[in-house]
Amino acid sequence: KNVDWFSTQLQATCNVHQSFFNDWF
């Protein structure tokens, strides 16, 4: 949709809960 770069990145990404295992995995 040719939106700004910052919005493009945020719309397409999500985080997963942080833990020692998740960081390593």
mmCIF file of all heavy atoms, coordinates in Angstrom:
data_MODEL
# 
_entry.id   MODEL 
# 
loop_
_atom_site.group_PDB 
_atom_site.id 
_atom_site.type_symbol 
_atom_site.label_atom_id 
_atom_site.label_alt_id 
_atom_site.label_comp_id 
_atom_site.label_asym_id 
_atom_site.label_entity_id 
_atom_site.label_seq_id 
_atom_site.pdbx_PDB_ins_code 
_atom_site.Cartn_x 
_atom_site.Cartn_y 
_atom_site.Cartn_z 
_atom_site.occupancy 
_atom_site.B_iso_or_equiv 
_atom_site.pdbx_formal_charge 
_atom_site.auth_seq_id 
_atom_site.auth_comp_id 
_atom_site.auth_asym_id 
_atom_site.auth_atom_id 
_atom_site.pdbx_PDB_model_num 
ATOM 1   N N   . LYS A 1 1  ? 0.814  -1.218  0.000  1.00 0.00 ? 1  LYS A N   1 
ATOM 2   C CA  . LYS A 1 1  ? 0.000  0.000   0.000  1.00 0.00 ? 1  LYS A CA  1 
ATOM 3   C C   . LYS A 1 1  ? 0.848  1.268   0.000  1.00 0.00 ? 1  LYS A C   1 
ATOM 4   O O   . LYS A 1 1  ? 0.312  2.386   0.090  1.00 0.00 ? 1  LYS A O   1 
ATOM 5   C CB  . LYS A 1 1  ? -0.917 0.005   1.232  1.00 0.00 ? 1  LYS A CB  1 
ATOM 6   C CG  . LYS A 1 1  ? -1.884 -1.178  1.295  1.00 0.00 ? 1  LYS A CG  1 
ATOM 7   C CD  . LYS A 1 1  ? -2.822 -1.210  0.096  1.00 0.00 ? 1  LYS A CD  1 
ATOM 8   C CE  . LYS A 1 1  ? -3.824 -2.354  0.208  1.00 0.00 ? 1  LYS A CE  1 
ATOM 9   N NZ  . LYS A 1 1  ? -4.717 -2.453  -0.968 1.00 0.00 ? 1  LYS A NZ  1 
ATOM 10  N N   . ASN A 1 2  ? 2.160  1.102   -0.089 1.00 0.00 ? 2  ASN A N   1 
ATOM 11  C CA  . ASN A 1 2  ? 3.084  2.235   -0.127 1.00 0.00 ? 2  ASN A CA  1 
ATOM 12  C C   . ASN A 1 2  ? 2.916  3.179   1.062  1.00 0.00 ? 2  ASN A C   1 
ATOM 13  O O   . ASN A 1 2  ? 2.991  4.400   0.927  1.00 0.00 ? 2  ASN A O   1 
ATOM 14  C CB  . ASN A 1 2  ? 2.926  3.020   -1.441 1.00 0.00 ? 2  ASN A CB  1 
ATOM 15  C CG  . ASN A 1 2  ? 3.430  2.248   -2.635 1.00 0.00 ? 2  ASN A CG  1 
ATOM 16  O OD1 . ASN A 1 2  ? 4.521  1.673   -2.607 1.00 0.00 ? 2  ASN A OD1 1 
ATOM 17  N ND2 . ASN A 1 2  ? 2.627  2.190   -3.687 1.00 0.00 ? 2  ASN A ND2 1 
ATOM 18  N N   . VAL A 1 3  ? 2.666  2.585   2.237  1.00 0.00 ? 3  VAL A N   1 
ATOM 19  C CA  . VAL A 1 3  ? 2.649  3.403   3.445  1.00 0.00 ? 3  VAL A CA  1 
ATOM 20  C C   . VAL A 1 3  ? 4.085  3.637   3.891  1.00 0.00 ? 3  VAL A C   1 
ATOM 21  O O   . VAL A 1 3  ? 5.024  3.042   3.350  1.00 0.00 ? 3  VAL A O   1 
ATOM 22  C CB  . VAL A 1 3  ? 1.821  2.727   4.561  1.00 0.00 ? 3  VAL A CB  1 
ATOM 23  C CG1 . VAL A 1 3  ? 0.378  2.556   4.121  1.00 0.00 ? 3  VAL A CG1 1 
ATOM 24  C CG2 . VAL A 1 3  ? 2.422  1.379   4.942  1.00 0.00 ? 3  VAL A CG2 1 
ATOM 25  N N   . ASP A 1 4  ? 4.268  4.491   4.890  1.00 0.00 ? 4  ASP A N   1 
ATOM 26  C CA  . ASP A 1 4  ? 5.620  4.821   5.317  1.00 0.00 ? 4  ASP A CA  1 
ATOM 27  C C   . ASP A 1 4  ? 6.330  3.588   5.869  1.00 0.00 ? 4  ASP A C   1 
ATOM 28  O O   . ASP A 1 4  ? 5.704  2.634   6.318  1.00 0.00 ? 4  ASP A O   1 
ATOM 29  C CB  . ASP A 1 4  ? 5.586  5.933   6.362  1.00 0.00 ? 4  ASP A CB  1 
ATOM 30  C CG  . ASP A 1 4  ? 4.885  5.494   7.640  1.00 0.00 ? 4  ASP A CG  1 
ATOM 31  O OD1 . ASP A 1 4  ? 3.634  5.543   7.681  1.00 0.00 ? 4  ASP A OD1 1 
ATOM 32  O OD2 . ASP A 1 4  ? 5.576  5.077   8.591  1.00 0.00 ? 4  ASP A OD2 1 
ATOM 33  N N   . TRP A 1 5  ? 7.652  3.658   5.823  1.00 0.00 ? 5  TRP A N   1 
ATOM 34  C CA  . TRP A 1 5  ? 8.478  2.507   6.190  1.00 0.00 ? 5  TRP A CA  1 
ATOM 35  C C   . TRP A 1 5  ? 8.209  2.053   7.616  1.00 0.00 ? 5  TRP A C   1 
ATOM 36  O O   . TRP A 1 5  ? 8.061  0.855   7.887  1.00 0.00 ? 5  TRP A O   1 
ATOM 37  C CB  . TRP A 1 5  ? 9.960  2.863   6.029  1.00 0.00 ? 5  TRP A CB  1 
ATOM 38  C CG  . TRP A 1 5  ? 10.905 1.753   6.365  1.00 0.00 ? 5  TRP A CG  1 
ATOM 39  C CD1 . TRP A 1 5  ? 11.352 0.763   5.550  1.00 0.00 ? 5  TRP A CD1 1 
ATOM 40  C CD2 . TRP A 1 5  ? 11.515 1.498   7.656  1.00 0.00 ? 5  TRP A CD2 1 
ATOM 41  N NE1 . TRP A 1 5  ? 12.204 -0.075  6.236  1.00 0.00 ? 5  TRP A NE1 1 
ATOM 42  C CE2 . TRP A 1 5  ? 12.323 0.356   7.519  1.00 0.00 ? 5  TRP A CE2 1 
ATOM 43  C CE3 . TRP A 1 5  ? 11.460 2.155   8.887  1.00 0.00 ? 5  TRP A CE3 1 
ATOM 44  C CZ2 . TRP A 1 5  ? 13.061 -0.165  8.577  1.00 0.00 ? 5  TRP A CZ2 1 
ATOM 45  C CZ3 . TRP A 1 5  ? 12.191 1.630   9.943  1.00 0.00 ? 5  TRP A CZ3 1 
ATOM 46  C CH2 . TRP A 1 5  ? 12.985 0.477   9.783  1.00 0.00 ? 5  TRP A CH2 1 
ATOM 47  N N   . PHE A 1 6  ? 8.132  2.991   8.545  1.00 0.00 ? 6  PHE A N   1 
ATOM 48  C CA  . PHE A 1 6  ? 7.933  2.658   9.960  1.00 0.00 ? 6  PHE A CA  1 
ATOM 49  C C   . PHE A 1 6  ? 6.637  1.883   10.165 1.00 0.00 ? 6  PHE A C   1 
ATOM 50  O O   . PHE A 1 6  ? 6.618  0.840   10.824 1.00 0.00 ? 6  PHE A O   1 
ATOM 51  C CB  . PHE A 1 6  ? 7.911  3.958   10.780 1.00 0.00 ? 6  PHE A CB  1 
ATOM 52  C CG  . PHE A 1 6  ? 7.870  3.752   12.263 1.00 0.00 ? 6  PHE A CG  1 
ATOM 53  C CD1 . PHE A 1 6  ? 9.020  3.483   12.990 1.00 0.00 ? 6  PHE A CD1 1 
ATOM 54  C CD2 . PHE A 1 6  ? 6.663  3.832   12.946 1.00 0.00 ? 6  PHE A CD2 1 
ATOM 55  C CE1 . PHE A 1 6  ? 8.975  3.289   14.369 1.00 0.00 ? 6  PHE A CE1 1 
ATOM 56  C CE2 . PHE A 1 6  ? 6.605  3.648   14.323 1.00 0.00 ? 6  PHE A CE2 1 
ATOM 57  C CZ  . PHE A 1 6  ? 7.763  3.377   15.031 1.00 0.00 ? 6  PHE A CZ  1 
ATOM 58  N N   . SER A 1 7  ? 5.556  2.334   9.555  1.00 0.00 ? 7  SER A N   1 
ATOM 59  C CA  . SER A 1 7  ? 4.264  1.658   9.688  1.00 0.00 ? 7  SER A CA  1 
ATOM 60  C C   . SER A 1 7  ? 4.289  0.283   9.027  1.00 0.00 ? 7  SER A C   1 
ATOM 61  O O   . SER A 1 7  ? 3.700  -0.674  9.532  1.00 0.00 ? 7  SER A O   1 
ATOM 62  C CB  . SER A 1 7  ? 3.145  2.508   9.067  1.00 0.00 ? 7  SER A CB  1 
ATOM 63  O OG  . SER A 1 7  ? 3.043  3.756   9.723  1.00 0.00 ? 7  SER A OG  1 
ATOM 64  N N   . THR A 1 8  ? 4.973  0.196   7.889  1.00 0.00 ? 8  THR A N   1 
ATOM 65  C CA  . THR A 1 8  ? 5.079  -1.085  7.192  1.00 0.00 ? 8  THR A CA  1 
ATOM 66  C C   . THR A 1 8  ? 5.713  -2.146  8.084  1.00 0.00 ? 8  THR A C   1 
ATOM 67  O O   . THR A 1 8  ? 5.250  -3.288  8.136  1.00 0.00 ? 8  THR A O   1 
ATOM 68  C CB  . THR A 1 8  ? 5.916  -0.937  5.908  1.00 0.00 ? 8  THR A CB  1 
ATOM 69  O OG1 . THR A 1 8  ? 5.277  -0.004  5.040  1.00 0.00 ? 8  THR A OG1 1 
ATOM 70  C CG2 . THR A 1 8  ? 6.067  -2.264  5.183  1.00 0.00 ? 8  THR A CG2 1 
ATOM 71  N N   . GLN A 1 9  ? 6.768  -1.756  8.795  1.00 0.00 ? 9  GLN A N   1 
ATOM 72  C CA  . GLN A 1 9  ? 7.455  -2.712  9.673  1.00 0.00 ? 9  GLN A CA  1 
ATOM 73  C C   . GLN A 1 9  ? 6.575  -3.129  10.852 1.00 0.00 ? 9  GLN A C   1 
ATOM 74  O O   . GLN A 1 9  ? 6.531  -4.304  11.216 1.00 0.00 ? 9  GLN A O   1 
ATOM 75  C CB  . GLN A 1 9  ? 8.765  -2.100  10.196 1.00 0.00 ? 9  GLN A CB  1 
ATOM 76  C CG  . GLN A 1 9  ? 9.724  -1.613  9.119  1.00 0.00 ? 9  GLN A CG  1 
ATOM 77  C CD  . GLN A 1 9  ? 10.116 -2.693  8.128  1.00 0.00 ? 9  GLN A CD  1 
ATOM 78  O OE1 . GLN A 1 9  ? 10.370 -3.830  8.501  1.00 0.00 ? 9  GLN A OE1 1 
ATOM 79  N NE2 . GLN A 1 9  ? 10.160 -2.337  6.856  1.00 0.00 ? 9  GLN A NE2 1 
ATOM 80  N N   . LEU A 1 10 ? 5.861  -2.174  11.441 1.00 0.00 ? 10 LEU A N   1 
ATOM 81  C CA  . LEU A 1 10 ? 5.045  -2.473  12.620 1.00 0.00 ? 10 LEU A CA  1 
ATOM 82  C C   . LEU A 1 10 ? 3.822  -3.314  12.269 1.00 0.00 ? 10 LEU A C   1 
ATOM 83  O O   . LEU A 1 10 ? 3.405  -4.169  13.050 1.00 0.00 ? 10 LEU A O   1 
ATOM 84  C CB  . LEU A 1 10 ? 4.603  -1.181  13.298 1.00 0.00 ? 10 LEU A CB  1 
ATOM 85  C CG  . LEU A 1 10 ? 5.699  -0.396  14.025 1.00 0.00 ? 10 LEU A CG  1 
ATOM 86  C CD1 . LEU A 1 10 ? 5.116  0.865   14.642 1.00 0.00 ? 10 LEU A CD1 1 
ATOM 87  C CD2 . LEU A 1 10 ? 6.358  -1.244  15.094 1.00 0.00 ? 10 LEU A CD2 1 
ATOM 88  N N   . GLN A 1 11 ? 3.243  -3.089  11.101 1.00 0.00 ? 11 GLN A N   1 
ATOM 89  C CA  . GLN A 1 11 ? 2.053  -3.843  10.699 1.00 0.00 ? 11 GLN A CA  1 
ATOM 90  C C   . GLN A 1 11 ? 2.375  -5.314  10.441 1.00 0.00 ? 11 GLN A C   1 
ATOM 91  O O   . GLN A 1 11 ? 1.493  -6.163  10.521 1.00 0.00 ? 11 GLN A O   1 
ATOM 92  C CB  . GLN A 1 11 ? 1.439  -3.230  9.434  1.00 0.00 ? 11 GLN A CB  1 
ATOM 93  C CG  . GLN A 1 11 ? 0.749  -1.907  9.658  1.00 0.00 ? 11 GLN A CG  1 
ATOM 94  C CD  . GLN A 1 11 ? 0.252  -1.293  8.362  1.00 0.00 ? 11 GLN A CD  1 
ATOM 95  O OE1 . GLN A 1 11 ? 0.429  -1.855  7.275  1.00 0.00 ? 11 GLN A OE1 1 
ATOM 96  N NE2 . GLN A 1 11 ? -0.366 -0.127  8.463  1.00 0.00 ? 11 GLN A NE2 1 
ATOM 97  N N   . ALA A 1 12 ? 3.626  -5.600  10.123 1.00 0.00 ? 12 ALA A N   1 
ATOM 98  C CA  . ALA A 1 12 ? 3.999  -6.958  9.691  1.00 0.00 ? 12 ALA A CA  1 
ATOM 99  C C   . ALA A 1 12 ? 4.703  -7.779  10.760 1.00 0.00 ? 12 ALA A C   1 
ATOM 100 O O   . ALA A 1 12 ? 5.036  -8.938  10.522 1.00 0.00 ? 12 ALA A O   1 
ATOM 101 C CB  . ALA A 1 12 ? 4.895  -6.872  8.456  1.00 0.00 ? 12 ALA A CB  1 
ATOM 102 N N   . THR A 1 13 ? 4.950  -7.211  11.936 1.00 0.00 ? 13 THR A N   1 
ATOM 103 C CA  . THR A 1 13 ? 5.756  -7.915  12.933 1.00 0.00 ? 13 THR A CA  1 
ATOM 104 C C   . THR A 1 13 ? 5.060  -7.956  14.289 1.00 0.00 ? 13 THR A C   1 
ATOM 105 O O   . THR A 1 13 ? 4.307  -7.051  14.643 1.00 0.00 ? 13 THR A O   1 
ATOM 106 C CB  . THR A 1 13 ? 7.131  -7.233  13.118 1.00 0.00 ? 13 THR A CB  1 
ATOM 107 O OG1 . THR A 1 13 ? 6.932  -5.847  13.435 1.00 0.00 ? 13 THR A OG1 1 
ATOM 108 C CG2 . THR A 1 13 ? 7.961  -7.345  11.865 1.00 0.00 ? 13 THR A CG2 1 
ATOM 109 N N   . CYS A 1 14 ? 5.323  -8.999  15.033 1.00 0.00 ? 14 CYS A N   1 
ATOM 110 C CA  . CYS A 1 14 ? 4.860  -9.076  16.417 1.00 0.00 ? 14 CYS A CA  1 
ATOM 111 C C   . CYS A 1 14 ? 5.923  -9.784  17.240 1.00 0.00 ? 14 CYS A C   1 
ATOM 112 O O   . CYS A 1 14 ? 6.748  -10.521 16.710 1.00 0.00 ? 14 CYS A O   1 
ATOM 113 C CB  . CYS A 1 14 ? 3.521  -9.802  16.524 1.00 0.00 ? 14 CYS A CB  1 
ATOM 114 S SG  . CYS A 1 14 ? 3.553  -11.539 16.033 1.00 0.00 ? 14 CYS A SG  1 
ATOM 115 N N   . ASN A 1 15 ? 5.913  -9.542  18.524 1.00 0.00 ? 15 ASN A N   1 
ATOM 116 C CA  . ASN A 1 15 ? 6.874  -10.153 19.431 1.00 0.00 ? 15 ASN A CA  1 
ATOM 117 C C   . ASN A 1 15 ? 6.289  -11.383 20.102 1.00 0.00 ? 15 ASN A C   1 
ATOM 118 O O   . ASN A 1 15 ? 5.068  -11.570 20.131 1.00 0.00 ? 15 ASN A O   1 
ATOM 119 C CB  . ASN A 1 15 ? 7.326  -9.148  20.491 1.00 0.00 ? 15 ASN A CB  1 
ATOM 120 C CG  . ASN A 1 15 ? 8.326  -8.145  19.938 1.00 0.00 ? 15 ASN A CG  1 
ATOM 121 O OD1 . ASN A 1 15 ? 8.669  -8.177  18.763 1.00 0.00 ? 15 ASN A OD1 1 
ATOM 122 N ND2 . ASN A 1 15 ? 8.783  -7.238  20.786 1.00 0.00 ? 15 ASN A ND2 1 
ATOM 123 N N   . VAL A 1 16 ? 7.164  -12.200 20.631 1.00 0.00 ? 16 VAL A N   1 
ATOM 124 C CA  . VAL A 1 16 ? 6.782  -13.383 21.392 1.00 0.00 ? 16 VAL A CA  1 
ATOM 125 C C   . VAL A 1 16 ? 7.372  -13.229 22.787 1.00 0.00 ? 16 VAL A C   1 
ATOM 126 O O   . VAL A 1 16 ? 8.464  -12.665 22.950 1.00 0.00 ? 16 VAL A O   1 
ATOM 127 C CB  . VAL A 1 16 ? 7.302  -14.672 20.705 1.00 0.00 ? 16 VAL A CB  1 
ATOM 128 C CG1 . VAL A 1 16 ? 6.983  -15.903 21.534 1.00 0.00 ? 16 VAL A CG1 1 
ATOM 129 C CG2 . VAL A 1 16 ? 6.709  -14.795 19.306 1.00 0.00 ? 16 VAL A CG2 1 
ATOM 130 N N   . HIS A 1 17 ? 6.658  -13.724 23.777 1.00 0.00 ? 17 HIS A N   1 
ATOM 131 C CA  . HIS A 1 17 ? 7.051  -13.567 25.175 1.00 0.00 ? 17 HIS A CA  1 
ATOM 132 C C   . HIS A 1 17 ? 8.532  -13.861 25.391 1.00 0.00 ? 17 HIS A C   1 
ATOM 133 O O   . HIS A 1 17 ? 9.058  -14.848 24.888 1.00 0.00 ? 17 HIS A O   1 
ATOM 134 C CB  . HIS A 1 17 ? 6.209  -14.492 26.043 1.00 0.00 ? 17 HIS A CB  1 
ATOM 135 C CG  . HIS A 1 17 ? 6.576  -14.449 27.499 1.00 0.00 ? 17 HIS A CG  1 
ATOM 136 N ND1 . HIS A 1 17 ? 6.313  -13.356 28.296 1.00 0.00 ? 17 HIS A ND1 1 
ATOM 137 C CD2 . HIS A 1 17 ? 7.196  -15.360 28.294 1.00 0.00 ? 17 HIS A CD2 1 
ATOM 138 C CE1 . HIS A 1 17 ? 6.758  -13.606 29.535 1.00 0.00 ? 17 HIS A CE1 1 
ATOM 139 N NE2 . HIS A 1 17 ? 7.294  -14.806 29.546 1.00 0.00 ? 17 HIS A NE2 1 
ATOM 140 N N   . GLN A 1 18 ? 9.173  -12.998 26.173 1.00 0.00 ? 18 GLN A N   1 
ATOM 141 C CA  . GLN A 1 18 ? 10.592 -13.180 26.438 1.00 0.00 ? 18 GLN A CA  1 
ATOM 142 C C   . GLN A 1 18 ? 10.818 -14.148 27.583 1.00 0.00 ? 18 GLN A C   1 
ATOM 143 O O   . GLN A 1 18 ? 10.177 -14.074 28.622 1.00 0.00 ? 18 GLN A O   1 
ATOM 144 C CB  . GLN A 1 18 ? 11.244 -11.831 26.783 1.00 0.00 ? 18 GLN A CB  1 
ATOM 145 C CG  . GLN A 1 18 ? 12.750 -11.869 26.686 1.00 0.00 ? 18 GLN A CG  1 
ATOM 146 C CD  . GLN A 1 18 ? 13.447 -11.328 27.936 1.00 0.00 ? 18 GLN A CD  1 
ATOM 147 O OE1 . GLN A 1 18 ? 12.811 -10.743 28.789 1.00 0.00 ? 18 GLN A OE1 1 
ATOM 148 N NE2 . GLN A 1 18 ? 14.737 -11.543 28.021 1.00 0.00 ? 18 GLN A NE2 1 
ATOM 149 N N   . SER A 1 19 ? 11.709 -15.079 27.361 1.00 0.00 ? 19 SER A N   1 
ATOM 150 C CA  . SER A 1 19 ? 12.183 -15.984 28.408 1.00 0.00 ? 19 SER A CA  1 
ATOM 151 C C   . SER A 1 19 ? 13.555 -16.457 27.979 1.00 0.00 ? 19 SER A C   1 
ATOM 152 O O   . SER A 1 19 ? 13.955 -16.278 26.824 1.00 0.00 ? 19 SER A O   1 
ATOM 153 C CB  . SER A 1 19 ? 11.240 -17.184 28.585 1.00 0.00 ? 19 SER A CB  1 
ATOM 154 O OG  . SER A 1 19 ? 11.274 -18.030 27.440 1.00 0.00 ? 19 SER A OG  1 
ATOM 155 N N   . PHE A 1 20 ? 14.275 -17.070 28.872 1.00 0.00 ? 20 PHE A N   1 
ATOM 156 C CA  . PHE A 1 20 ? 15.604 -17.579 28.518 1.00 0.00 ? 20 PHE A CA  1 
ATOM 157 C C   . PHE A 1 20 ? 15.502 -18.578 27.370 1.00 0.00 ? 20 PHE A C   1 
ATOM 158 O O   . PHE A 1 20 ? 16.278 -18.540 26.419 1.00 0.00 ? 20 PHE A O   1 
ATOM 159 C CB  . PHE A 1 20 ? 16.262 -18.229 29.736 1.00 0.00 ? 20 PHE A CB  1 
ATOM 160 C CG  . PHE A 1 20 ? 17.619 -18.819 29.444 1.00 0.00 ? 20 PHE A CG  1 
ATOM 161 C CD1 . PHE A 1 20 ? 18.753 -18.020 29.401 1.00 0.00 ? 20 PHE A CD1 1 
ATOM 162 C CD2 . PHE A 1 20 ? 17.760 -20.179 29.189 1.00 0.00 ? 20 PHE A CD2 1 
ATOM 163 C CE1 . PHE A 1 20 ? 19.998 -18.559 29.111 1.00 0.00 ? 20 PHE A CE1 1 
ATOM 164 C CE2 . PHE A 1 20 ? 18.999 -20.731 28.907 1.00 0.00 ? 20 PHE A CE2 1 
ATOM 165 C CZ  . PHE A 1 20 ? 20.123 -19.917 28.867 1.00 0.00 ? 20 PHE A CZ  1 
ATOM 166 N N   . PHE A 1 21 ? 14.488 -19.478 27.460 1.00 0.00 ? 21 PHE A N   1 
ATOM 167 C CA  . PHE A 1 21 ? 14.318 -20.486 26.412 1.00 0.00 ? 21 PHE A CA  1 
ATOM 168 C C   . PHE A 1 21 ? 13.918 -19.840 25.091 1.00 0.00 ? 21 PHE A C   1 
ATOM 169 O O   . PHE A 1 21 ? 14.479 -20.166 24.039 1.00 0.00 ? 21 PHE A O   1 
ATOM 170 C CB  . PHE A 1 21 ? 13.258 -21.514 26.818 1.00 0.00 ? 21 PHE A CB  1 
ATOM 171 C CG  . PHE A 1 21 ? 12.957 -22.509 25.723 1.00 0.00 ? 21 PHE A CG  1 
ATOM 172 C CD1 . PHE A 1 21 ? 13.801 -23.581 25.482 1.00 0.00 ? 21 PHE A CD1 1 
ATOM 173 C CD2 . PHE A 1 21 ? 11.836 -22.348 24.914 1.00 0.00 ? 21 PHE A CD2 1 
ATOM 174 C CE1 . PHE A 1 21 ? 13.541 -24.487 24.459 1.00 0.00 ? 21 PHE A CE1 1 
ATOM 175 C CE2 . PHE A 1 21 ? 11.563 -23.249 23.893 1.00 0.00 ? 21 PHE A CE2 1 
ATOM 176 C CZ  . PHE A 1 21 ? 12.414 -24.324 23.668 1.00 0.00 ? 21 PHE A CZ  1 
ATOM 177 N N   . ASN A 1 22 ? 12.943 -18.931 25.101 1.00 0.00 ? 22 ASN A N   1 
ATOM 178 C CA  . ASN A 1 22 ? 12.490 -18.309 23.862 1.00 0.00 ? 22 ASN A CA  1 
ATOM 179 C C   . ASN A 1 22 ? 13.591 -17.499 23.195 1.00 0.00 ? 22 ASN A C   1 
ATOM 180 O O   . ASN A 1 22 ? 13.697 -17.477 21.966 1.00 0.00 ? 22 ASN A O   1 
ATOM 181 C CB  . ASN A 1 22 ? 11.276 -17.422 24.129 1.00 0.00 ? 22 ASN A CB  1 
ATOM 182 C CG  . ASN A 1 22 ? 10.009 -18.218 24.342 1.00 0.00 ? 22 ASN A CG  1 
ATOM 183 O OD1 . ASN A 1 22 ? 10.003 -19.437 24.176 1.00 0.00 ? 22 ASN A OD1 1 
ATOM 184 N ND2 . ASN A 1 22 ? 8.938  -17.550 24.731 1.00 0.00 ? 22 ASN A ND2 1 
ATOM 185 N N   . ASP A 1 23 ? 14.401 -16.808 23.995 1.00 0.00 ? 23 ASP A N   1 
ATOM 186 C CA  . ASP A 1 23 ? 15.529 -16.059 23.435 1.00 0.00 ? 23 ASP A CA  1 
ATOM 187 C C   . ASP A 1 23 ? 16.487 -16.994 22.706 1.00 0.00 ? 23 ASP A C   1 
ATOM 188 O O   . ASP A 1 23 ? 16.932 -16.710 21.593 1.00 0.00 ? 23 ASP A O   1 
ATOM 189 C CB  . ASP A 1 23 ? 16.289 -15.323 24.539 1.00 0.00 ? 23 ASP A CB  1 
ATOM 190 C CG  . ASP A 1 23 ? 15.491 -14.177 25.133 1.00 0.00 ? 23 ASP A CG  1 
ATOM 191 O OD1 . ASP A 1 23 ? 14.406 -13.857 24.597 1.00 0.00 ? 23 ASP A OD1 1 
ATOM 192 O OD2 . ASP A 1 23 ? 15.956 -13.593 26.129 1.00 0.00 ? 23 ASP A OD2 1 
ATOM 193 N N   . TRP A 1 24 ? 16.810 -18.125 23.350 1.00 0.00 ? 24 TRP A N   1 
ATOM 194 C CA  . TRP A 1 24 ? 17.738 -19.086 22.754 1.00 0.00 ? 24 TRP A CA  1 
ATOM 195 C C   . TRP A 1 24 ? 17.109 -19.782 21.557 1.00 0.00 ? 24 TRP A C   1 
ATOM 196 O O   . TRP A 1 24 ? 17.735 -19.917 20.502 1.00 0.00 ? 24 TRP A O   1 
ATOM 197 C CB  . TRP A 1 24 ? 18.135 -20.119 23.810 1.00 0.00 ? 24 TRP A CB  1 
ATOM 198 C CG  . TRP A 1 24 ? 18.900 -21.276 23.247 1.00 0.00 ? 24 TRP A CG  1 
ATOM 199 C CD1 . TRP A 1 24 ? 20.237 -21.326 22.951 1.00 0.00 ? 24 TRP A CD1 1 
ATOM 200 C CD2 . TRP A 1 24 ? 18.362 -22.559 22.876 1.00 0.00 ? 24 TRP A CD2 1 
ATOM 201 N NE1 . TRP A 1 24 ? 20.563 -22.562 22.431 1.00 0.00 ? 24 TRP A NE1 1 
ATOM 202 C CE2 . TRP A 1 24 ? 19.433 -23.333 22.374 1.00 0.00 ? 24 TRP A CE2 1 
ATOM 203 C CE3 . TRP A 1 24 ? 17.093 -23.119 22.935 1.00 0.00 ? 24 TRP A CE3 1 
ATOM 204 C CZ2 . TRP A 1 24 ? 19.269 -24.639 21.922 1.00 0.00 ? 24 TRP A CZ2 1 
ATOM 205 C CZ3 . TRP A 1 24 ? 16.927 -24.424 22.485 1.00 0.00 ? 24 TRP A CZ3 1 
ATOM 206 C CH2 . TRP A 1 24 ? 18.001 -25.167 21.994 1.00 0.00 ? 24 TRP A CH2 1 
ATOM 207 N N   . PHE A 1 25 ? 15.866 -20.246 21.717 1.00 0.00 ? 25 PHE A N   1 
ATOM 208 C CA  . PHE A 1 25 ? 15.204 -21.024 20.673 1.00 0.00 ? 25 PHE A CA  1 
ATOM 209 C C   . PHE A 1 25 ? 15.022 -20.214 19.391 1.00 0.00 ? 25 PHE A C   1 
ATOM 210 O O   . PHE A 1 25 ? 15.153 -20.736 18.282 1.00 0.00 ? 25 PHE A O   1 
ATOM 211 C CB  . PHE A 1 25 ? 13.840 -21.505 21.179 1.00 0.00 ? 25 PHE A CB  1 
ATOM 212 C CG  . PHE A 1 25 ? 13.133 -22.448 20.242 1.00 0.00 ? 25 PHE A CG  1 
ATOM 213 C CD1 . PHE A 1 25 ? 13.425 -23.803 20.251 1.00 0.00 ? 25 PHE A CD1 1 
ATOM 214 C CD2 . PHE A 1 25 ? 12.174 -21.983 19.350 1.00 0.00 ? 25 PHE A CD2 1 
ATOM 215 C CE1 . PHE A 1 25 ? 12.776 -24.684 19.385 1.00 0.00 ? 25 PHE A CE1 1 
ATOM 216 C CE2 . PHE A 1 25 ? 11.521 -22.854 18.488 1.00 0.00 ? 25 PHE A CE2 1 
ATOM 217 C CZ  . PHE A 1 25 ? 11.820 -24.203 18.503 1.00 0.00 ? 25 PHE A CZ  1 
# 
